[in-house]
Protein backbone atom coordinates (compact mmCIF):
# COMPACT_ATOMS: atom_id res chain seq x y z
CA MET A 1 -10.31 -31.03 14.96
CA TYR A 2 -12.71 -28.08 15.39
CA LYS A 3 -9.93 -25.89 16.80
CA TYR A 4 -7.68 -26.71 13.83
CA THR A 5 -10.44 -25.77 11.36
CA LYS A 6 -11.36 -22.63 13.33
CA HIS A 7 -7.82 -21.29 13.85
CA PRO A 8 -6.81 -20.58 10.20
CA ILE A 9 -10.07 -18.65 9.65
CA TYR A 10 -9.23 -16.30 12.54
CA LEU A 11 -5.64 -16.08 11.28
CA GLY A 12 -6.92 -15.08 7.83
CA LEU A 13 -9.26 -12.48 9.32
CA VAL A 14 -6.44 -10.98 11.41
CA LEU A 15 -4.14 -10.91 8.36
CA ALA A 16 -6.91 -9.28 6.27
CA ILE A 17 -7.53 -6.63 8.97
CA PHE A 18 -3.79 -5.90 9.22
CA GLY A 19 -3.57 -5.72 5.42
CA MET A 20 -6.46 -3.23 5.25
CA ALA A 21 -4.91 -1.12 8.03
CA PHE A 22 -1.53 -1.22 6.23
CA ILE A 23 -3.16 -0.07 2.96
CA PHE A 24 -4.99 2.76 4.75
CA MET A 25 -1.72 3.81 6.45
CA LEU A 26 0.06 3.84 3.07
CA LEU A 27 -2.74 5.96 1.55
CA ILE A 28 -2.60 8.41 4.50
CA CYS A 29 1.20 8.62 4.14
CA LEU A 30 0.84 9.31 0.40
CA PHE A 31 -1.72 12.08 1.05
CA ASN A 32 0.56 13.54 3.76
CA LEU A 33 3.50 13.51 1.32
CA LEU A 34 1.38 15.25 -1.34
CA SER A 35 0.23 17.92 1.14
CA PHE A 36 3.83 18.25 2.41
CA PHE A 37 5.10 18.87 -1.13
CA GLU A 38 2.31 21.44 -1.65
CA ILE A 39 3.31 23.18 1.61
CA THR A 40 7.00 23.18 0.57
CA ASP A 41 6.00 24.62 -2.83
CA VAL A 42 4.09 27.39 -1.03
CA CYS A 43 7.12 28.00 1.22
CA TYR A 44 9.43 28.21 -1.82
CA ILE A 45 7.01 30.67 -3.44
CA ARG A 46 7.00 32.78 -0.24
CA TYR A 47 10.81 32.79 -0.06
């Protein structure tokens, strides 16, 4: 019974860690897109 009570806690922790990593990846992607658009704007201004 101890294993059954212990397993879902670890599962929840793993899911929470993956969720946090996913959110951080999305934020990094959004910042990269913003910087990419700024770079393209600069390139359009240069051309």
